Each structure stands twice: as C-alpha cells, then as structure tokens.
Amino acid sequence: MTDTVEKKSNLKMEGEGSREGSRRFQEAQQAFVETGDVEGKAKEAARAIEGAEAEELEEARKASAKGHSAA
C-alpha cells in the first residue's frame, strides 16, 4: 500500500514554472546581493572547490548537469 502525503502551499499550480516562486527567488537573490556578504560567500565557495569537498562537489555538479540529484 502506498501512502500519499499531501503538501500544503499557498502557491497555485502554474504549469511548467511558478511565476510567484520565481519572483520570490529573484527578490531573495537581490536582497542578498544588497545586504549579504557576497565576497565572503565567494571566498567560502572557492575554498570548498579547492579543498576536501572538491570531489563531492564535482560529482554533484556533473549529476545536476544531467538533471539528476547526487544524493
């Protein structure tokens, strides 16, 4: 027997993409650029791709390029 989990959301179905979800994402990105530590995050990312996480990150990048999750 398969149980179905109902997810509740205030976003309505919009077909292939969600305009509301896209708008929220863009607003969050803009807010981060204006108030976040962009340079610090860039340095953190550079350390990650050059450090111990490099192999795992590369595998995730390749999987996502194929439309798959690396998990």
PDB file of N, CA and C in Angstrom:
ATOM      1  N   MET A   1       0.845  -1.167   0.000  1.00  0.00           N
ATOM      2  CA  MET A   1       0.000   0.000   0.000  1.00  0.00           C
ATOM      3  C   MET A   1       0.893   1.234   0.000  1.00  0.00           C
ATOM      4  N   THR A   2       0.518   2.211  -0.774  1.00  0.00           N
ATOM      5  CA  THR A   2       1.282   3.455  -0.865  1.00  0.00           C
ATOM      6  C   THR A   2       0.513   4.576  -0.198  1.00  0.00           C
ATOM      7  N   ASP A   3       1.166   5.265   0.720  1.00  0.00           N
ATOM      8  CA  ASP A   3       0.557   6.415   1.368  1.00  0.00           C
ATOM      9  C   ASP A   3       0.919   7.669   0.592  1.00  0.00           C
ATOM     10  N   THR A   4      -0.055   8.537   0.432  1.00  0.00           N
ATOM     11  CA  THR A   4       0.172   9.795  -0.263  1.00  0.00           C
ATOM     12  C   THR A   4       0.265  10.906   0.768  1.00  0.00           C
ATOM     13  N   VAL A   5       1.319  11.692   0.670  1.00  0.00           N
ATOM     14  CA  VAL A   5       1.500  12.829   1.566  1.00  0.00           C
ATOM     15  C   VAL A   5       1.041  14.071   0.832  1.00  0.00           C
ATOM     16  N   GLU A   6       0.113  14.776   1.433  1.00  0.00           N
ATOM     17  CA  GLU A   6      -0.385  15.998   0.818  1.00  0.00           C
ATOM     18  C   GLU A   6       0.446  17.170   1.309  1.00  0.00           C
ATOM     19  N   LYS A   7       1.021  17.896   0.395  1.00  0.00           N
ATOM     20  CA  LYS A   7       1.817  19.067   0.742  1.00  0.00           C
ATOM     21  C   LYS A   7       0.941  20.299   0.596  1.00  0.00           C
ATOM     22  N   LYS A   8       0.972  21.137   1.601  1.00  0.00           N
ATOM     23  CA  LYS A   8       0.170  22.355   1.565  1.00  0.00           C
ATOM     24  C   LYS A   8       1.074  23.513   1.168  1.00  0.00           C
ATOM     25  N   SER A   9       0.584  24.347   0.281  1.00  0.00           N
ATOM     26  CA  SER A   9       1.331  25.502  -0.188  1.00  0.00           C
ATOM     27  C   SER A   9       0.349  26.597  -0.543  1.00  0.00           C
ATOM     28  N   ASN A  10       0.785  27.815  -0.370  1.00  0.00           N
ATOM     29  CA  ASN A  10      -0.061  28.920  -0.784  1.00  0.00           C
ATOM     30  C   ASN A  10       0.198  29.300  -2.239  1.00  0.00           C
ATOM     31  N   LEU A  11       1.089  28.570  -2.920  1.00  0.00           N
ATOM     32  CA  LEU A  11       1.355  28.813  -4.333  1.00  0.00           C
ATOM     33  C   LEU A  11       0.413  27.958  -5.170  1.00  0.00           C
ATOM     34  N   LYS A  12      -0.182  28.565  -6.174  1.00  0.00           N
ATOM     35  CA  LYS A  12      -1.062  27.803  -7.055  1.00  0.00           C
ATOM     36  C   LYS A  12      -0.244  27.157  -8.166  1.00  0.00           C
ATOM     37  N   MET A  13      -0.779  26.109  -8.741  1.00  0.00           N
ATOM     38  CA  MET A  13      -0.102  25.444  -9.853  1.00  0.00           C
ATOM     39  C   MET A  13      -0.071  26.391 -11.047  1.00  0.00           C
ATOM     40  N   GLU A  14       1.084  26.494 -11.681  1.00  0.00           N
ATOM     41  CA  GLU A  14       1.234  27.415 -12.804  1.00  0.00           C
ATOM     42  C   GLU A  14       1.842  26.732 -14.021  1.00  0.00           C
ATOM     43  N   GLY A  15       1.742  25.444 -14.123  1.00  0.00           N
ATOM     44  CA  GLY A  15       2.298  24.752 -15.273  1.00  0.00           C
ATOM     45  C   GLY A  15       3.774  24.449 -15.076  1.00  0.00           C
ATOM     46  N   GLU A  16       4.569  24.633 -16.116  1.00  0.00           N
ATOM     47  CA  GLU A  16       5.990  24.302 -16.079  1.00  0.00           C
ATOM     48  C   GLU A  16       6.759  25.057 -15.021  1.00  0.00           C
ATOM     49  N   GLY A  17       6.446  26.321 -14.814  1.00  0.00           N
ATOM     50  CA  GLY A  17       7.181  27.117 -13.850  1.00  0.00           C
ATOM     51  C   GLY A  17       6.235  27.870 -12.948  1.00  0.00           C
ATOM     52  N   SER A  18       6.768  28.382 -11.887  1.00  0.00           N
ATOM     53  CA  SER A  18       5.965  29.149 -10.950  1.00  0.00           C
ATOM     54  C   SER A  18       6.416  30.601 -10.999  1.00  0.00           C
ATOM     55  N   ARG A  19       5.580  31.461 -11.530  1.00  0.00           N
ATOM     56  CA  ARG A  19       5.935  32.881 -11.586  1.00  0.00           C
ATOM     57  C   ARG A  19       6.108  33.450 -10.187  1.00  0.00           C
ATOM     58  N   GLU A  20       5.235  33.034  -9.268  1.00  0.00           N
ATOM     59  CA  GLU A  20       5.329  33.505  -7.893  1.00  0.00           C
ATOM     60  C   GLU A  20       6.616  33.005  -7.235  1.00  0.00           C
ATOM     61  N   GLY A  21       6.921  31.745  -7.422  1.00  0.00           N
ATOM     62  CA  GLY A  21       8.155  31.180  -6.880  1.00  0.00           C
ATOM     63  C   GLY A  21       9.381  31.847  -7.476  1.00  0.00           C
ATOM     64  N   SER A  22       9.344  32.101  -8.772  1.00  0.00           N
ATOM     65  CA  SER A  22      10.445  32.781  -9.440  1.00  0.00           C
ATOM     66  C   SER A  22      10.622  34.200  -8.902  1.00  0.00           C
ATOM     67  N   ARG A  23       9.510  34.886  -8.710  1.00  0.00           N
ATOM     68  CA  ARG A  23       9.562  36.250  -8.184  1.00  0.00           C
ATOM     69  C   ARG A  23      10.184  36.253  -6.789  1.00  0.00           C
ATOM     70  N   ARG A  24       9.755  35.324  -5.946  1.00  0.00           N
ATOM     71  CA  ARG A  24      10.301  35.247  -4.585  1.00  0.00           C
ATOM     72  C   ARG A  24      11.799  34.952  -4.608  1.00  0.00           C
ATOM     73  N   PHE A  25      12.208  34.042  -5.477  1.00  0.00           N
ATOM     74  CA  PHE A  25      13.625  33.701  -5.600  1.00  0.00           C
ATOM     75  C   PHE A  25      14.431  34.921  -6.024  1.00  0.00           C
ATOM     76  N   GLN A  26      13.954  35.632  -7.045  1.00  0.00           N
ATOM     77  CA  GLN A  26      14.658  36.816  -7.528  1.00  0.00           C
ATOM     78  C   GLN A  26      14.750  37.888  -6.441  1.00  0.00           C
ATOM     79  N   GLU A  27      13.684  38.077  -5.684  1.00  0.00           N
ATOM     80  CA  GLU A  27      13.707  39.061  -4.599  1.00  0.00           C
ATOM     81  C   GLU A  27      14.719  38.667  -3.530  1.00  0.00           C
ATOM     82  N   ALA A  28      14.774  37.380  -3.195  1.00  0.00           N
ATOM     83  CA  ALA A  28      15.724  36.913  -2.191  1.00  0.00           C
ATOM     84  C   ALA A  28      17.161  37.091  -2.680  1.00  0.00           C
ATOM     85  N   GLN A  29      17.396  36.805  -3.962  1.00  0.00           N
ATOM     86  CA  GLN A  29      18.733  36.980  -4.515  1.00  0.00           C
ATOM     87  C   GLN A  29      19.152  38.447  -4.494  1.00  0.00           C
ATOM     88  N   GLN A  30      18.234  39.320  -4.869  1.00  0.00           N
ATOM     89  CA  GLN A  30      18.526  40.755  -4.868  1.00  0.00           C
ATOM     90  C   GLN A  30      18.820  41.242  -3.454  1.00  0.00           C
ATOM     91  N   ALA A  31      18.040  40.783  -2.484  1.00  0.00           N
ATOM     92  CA  ALA A  31      18.256  41.186  -1.093  1.00  0.00           C
ATOM     93  C   ALA A  31      19.621  40.714  -0.608  1.00  0.00           C
ATOM     94  N   PHE A  32      20.025  39.507  -0.995  1.00  0.00           N
ATOM     95  CA  PHE A  32      21.342  39.001  -0.592  1.00  0.00           C
ATOM     96  C   PHE A  32      22.453  39.847  -1.197  1.00  0.00           C
ATOM     97  N   VAL A  33      22.327  40.172  -2.467  1.00  0.00           N
ATOM     98  CA  VAL A  33      23.342  40.993  -3.135  1.00  0.00           C
ATOM     99  C   VAL A  33      23.468  42.345  -2.446  1.00  0.00           C
ATOM    100  N   GLU A  34      22.340  42.916  -2.039  1.00  0.00           N
ATOM    101  CA  GLU A  34      22.355  44.237  -1.426  1.00  0.00           C
ATOM    102  C   GLU A  34      22.807  44.226   0.030  1.00  0.00           C
ATOM    103  N   THR A  35      22.532  43.145   0.758  1.00  0.00           N
ATOM    104  CA  THR A  35      22.812  43.153   2.195  1.00  0.00           C
ATOM    105  C   THR A  35      23.706  42.012   2.662  1.00  0.00           C
ATOM    106  N   GLY A  36      23.932  41.012   1.832  1.00  0.00           N
ATOM    107  CA  GLY A  36      24.686  39.838   2.249  1.00  0.00           C
ATOM    108  C   GLY A  36      26.181  40.003   2.050  1.00  0.00           C
ATOM    109  N   ASP A  37      26.908  39.036   2.529  1.00  0.00           N
ATOM    110  CA  ASP A  37      28.362  39.013   2.423  1.00  0.00           C
ATOM    111  C   ASP A  37      28.750  38.262   1.148  1.00  0.00           C
ATOM    112  N   VAL A  38      28.553  38.899   0.008  1.00  0.00           N
ATOM    113  CA  VAL A  38      28.803  38.253  -1.281  1.00  0.00           C
ATOM    114  C   VAL A  38      30.273  37.852  -1.407  1.00  0.00           C
ATOM    115  N   GLU A  39      31.179  38.739  -1.077  1.00  0.00           N
ATOM    116  CA  GLU A  39      32.612  38.438  -1.192  1.00  0.00           C
ATOM    117  C   GLU A  39      33.007  37.283  -0.270  1.00  0.00           C
ATOM    118  N   GLY A  40      32.466  37.293   0.941  1.00  0.00           N
ATOM    119  CA  GLY A  40      32.762  36.211   1.885  1.00  0.00           C
ATOM    120  C   GLY A  40      32.261  34.868   1.380  1.00  0.00           C
ATOM    121  N   LYS A  41      31.062  34.852   0.814  1.00  0.00           N
ATOM    122  CA  LYS A  41      30.498  33.609   0.275  1.00  0.00           C
ATOM    123  C   LYS A  41      31.295  33.130  -0.941  1.00  0.00           C
ATOM    124  N   ALA A  42      31.777  34.066  -1.755  1.00  0.00           N
ATOM    125  CA  ALA A  42      32.593  33.696  -2.915  1.00  0.00           C
ATOM    126  C   ALA A  42      33.899  33.042  -2.455  1.00  0.00           C
ATOM    127  N   LYS A  43      34.508  33.595  -1.420  1.00  0.00           N
ATOM    128  CA  LYS A  43      35.748  33.010  -0.881  1.00  0.00           C
ATOM    129  C   LYS A  43      35.478  31.640  -0.276  1.00  0.00           C
ATOM    130  N   GLU A  44      34.355  31.504   0.418  1.00  0.00           N
ATOM    131  CA  GLU A  44      33.964  30.217   1.002  1.00  0.00           C
ATOM    132  C   GLU A  44      33.792  29.162  -0.091  1.00  0.00           C
ATOM    133  N   ALA A  45      33.151  29.540  -1.177  1.00  0.00           N
ATOM    134  CA  ALA A  45      32.947  28.613  -2.296  1.00  0.00           C
ATOM    135  C   ALA A  45      34.274  28.224  -2.927  1.00  0.00           C
ATOM    136  N   ALA A  46      35.160  29.184  -3.086  1.00  0.00           N
ATOM    137  CA  ALA A  46      36.484  28.897  -3.674  1.00  0.00           C
ATOM    138  C   ALA A  46      37.247  27.907  -2.802  1.00  0.00           C
ATOM    139  N   ARG A  47      37.195  28.094  -1.483  1.00  0.00           N
ATOM    140  CA  ARG A  47      37.881  27.160  -0.570  1.00  0.00           C
ATOM    141  C   ARG A  47      37.268  25.762  -0.686  1.00  0.00           C
ATOM    142  N   ALA A  48      35.967  25.686  -0.830  1.00  0.00           N
ATOM    143  CA  ALA A  48      35.286  24.388  -0.916  1.00  0.00           C
ATOM    144  C   ALA A  48      35.694  23.631  -2.175  1.00  0.00           C
ATOM    145  N   ILE A  49      35.756  24.317  -3.311  1.00  0.00           N
ATOM    146  CA  ILE A  49      36.090  23.601  -4.556  1.00  0.00           C
ATOM    147  C   ILE A  49      37.578  23.285  -4.663  1.00  0.00           C
ATOM    148  N   GLU A  50      38.371  23.896  -3.811  1.00  0.00           N
ATOM    149  CA  GLU A  50      39.807  23.598  -3.803  1.00  0.00           C
ATOM    150  C   GLU A  50      40.196  22.667  -2.655  1.00  0.00           C
ATOM    151  N   GLY A  51      39.283  22.402  -1.744  1.00  0.00           N
ATOM    152  CA  GLY A  51      39.594  21.639  -0.545  1.00  0.00           C
ATOM    153  C   GLY A  51      39.079  20.216  -0.576  1.00  0.00           C
ATOM    154  N   ALA A  52      38.816  19.706   0.626  1.00  0.00           N
ATOM    155  CA  ALA A  52      38.405  18.315   0.809  1.00  0.00           C
ATOM    156  C   ALA A  52      37.072  18.002   0.140  1.00  0.00           C
ATOM    157  N   GLU A  53      36.240  19.003  -0.054  1.00  0.00           N
ATOM    158  CA  GLU A  53      34.925  18.788  -0.664  1.00  0.00           C
ATOM    159  C   GLU A  53      34.968  18.751  -2.192  1.00  0.00           C
ATOM    160  N   ALA A  54      36.111  18.996  -2.777  1.00  0.00           N
ATOM    161  CA  ALA A  54      36.220  19.163  -4.225  1.00  0.00           C
ATOM    162  C   ALA A  54      35.618  17.999  -5.016  1.00  0.00           C
ATOM    163  N   GLU A  55      35.971  16.777  -4.666  1.00  0.00           N
ATOM    164  CA  GLU A  55      35.480  15.615  -5.418  1.00  0.00           C
ATOM    165  C   GLU A  55      33.963  15.480  -5.309  1.00  0.00           C
ATOM    166  N   GLU A  56      33.438  15.633  -4.100  1.00  0.00           N
ATOM    167  CA  GLU A  56      31.994  15.529  -3.892  1.00  0.00           C
ATOM    168  C   GLU A  56      31.249  16.629  -4.644  1.00  0.00           C
ATOM    169  N   LEU A  57      31.780  17.839  -4.630  1.00  0.00           N
ATOM    170  CA  LEU A  57      31.148  18.945  -5.342  1.00  0.00           C
ATOM    171  C   LEU A  57      31.168  18.724  -6.853  1.00  0.00           C
ATOM    172  N   GLU A  58      32.248  18.184  -7.361  1.00  0.00           N
ATOM    173  CA  GLU A  58      32.338  17.911  -8.800  1.00  0.00           C
ATOM    174  C   GLU A  58      31.337  16.835  -9.213  1.00  0.00           C
ATOM    175  N   GLU A  59      31.178  15.802  -8.386  1.00  0.00           N
ATOM    176  CA  GLU A  59      30.186  14.761  -8.677  1.00  0.00           C
ATOM    177  C   GLU A  59      28.778  15.354  -8.689  1.00  0.00           C
ATOM    178  N   ALA A  60      28.492  16.223  -7.747  1.00  0.00           N
ATOM    179  CA  ALA A  60      27.180  16.872  -7.688  1.00  0.00           C
ATOM    180  C   ALA A  60      26.962  17.762  -8.901  1.00  0.00           C
ATOM    181  N   ARG A  61      28.006  18.476  -9.317  1.00  0.00           N
ATOM    182  CA  ARG A  61      27.903  19.343 -10.498  1.00  0.00           C
ATOM    183  C   ARG A  61      27.583  18.523 -11.743  1.00  0.00           C
ATOM    184  N   LYS A  62      28.300  17.410 -11.920  1.00  0.00           N
ATOM    185  CA  LYS A  62      28.075  16.558 -13.087  1.00  0.00           C
ATOM    186  C   LYS A  62      26.667  15.957 -13.075  1.00  0.00           C
ATOM    187  N   ALA A  63      26.224  15.513 -11.908  1.00  0.00           N
ATOM    188  CA  ALA A  63      24.878  14.933 -11.801  1.00  0.00           C
ATOM    189  C   ALA A  63      23.815  15.969 -12.117  1.00  0.00           C
ATOM    190  N   SER A  64      23.972  17.175 -11.587  1.00  0.00           N
ATOM    191  CA  SER A  64      22.959  18.202 -11.833  1.00  0.00           C
ATOM    192  C   SER A  64      22.947  18.635 -13.291  1.00  0.00           C
ATOM    193  N   ALA A  65      24.104  18.580 -13.951  1.00  0.00           N
ATOM    194  CA  ALA A  65      24.167  18.925 -15.376  1.00  0.00           C
ATOM    195  C   ALA A  65      23.352  17.929 -16.210  1.00  0.00           C
ATOM    196  N   LYS A  66      23.214  16.716 -15.674  1.00  0.00           N
ATOM    197  CA  LYS A  66      22.430  15.682 -16.356  1.00  0.00           C
ATOM    198  C   LYS A  66      20.985  15.660 -15.869  1.00  0.00           C
ATOM    199  N   GLY A  67      20.661  16.565 -14.942  1.00  0.00           N
ATOM    200  CA  GLY A  67      19.307  16.630 -14.414  1.00  0.00           C
ATOM    201  C   GLY A  67      19.031  15.667 -13.290  1.00  0.00           C
ATOM    202  N   HIS A  68      20.091  15.205 -12.634  1.00  0.00           N
ATOM    203  CA  HIS A  68      19.954  14.244 -11.544  1.00  0.00           C
ATOM    204  C   HIS A  68      20.439  14.853 -10.231  1.00  0.00           C
ATOM    205  N   SER A  69      19.974  14.268  -9.161  1.00  0.00           N
ATOM    206  CA  SER A  69      20.466  14.640  -7.828  1.00  0.00           C
ATOM    207  C   SER A  69      21.629  13.733  -7.496  1.00  0.00           C
ATOM    208  N   ALA A  70      22.653  14.285  -6.867  1.00  0.00           N
ATOM    209  CA  ALA A  70      23.813  13.496  -6.496  1.00  0.00           C
ATOM    210  C   ALA A  70      23.583  12.691  -5.221  1.00  0.00           C
ATOM    211  N   ALA A  71      22.459  12.917  -4.561  1.00  0.00           N
ATOM    212  CA  ALA A  71      22.184  12.242  -3.274  1.00  0.00           C
ATOM    213  C   ALA A  71      21.860  10.798  -3.435  1.00  0.00           C
TER     214      ALA A  71
END
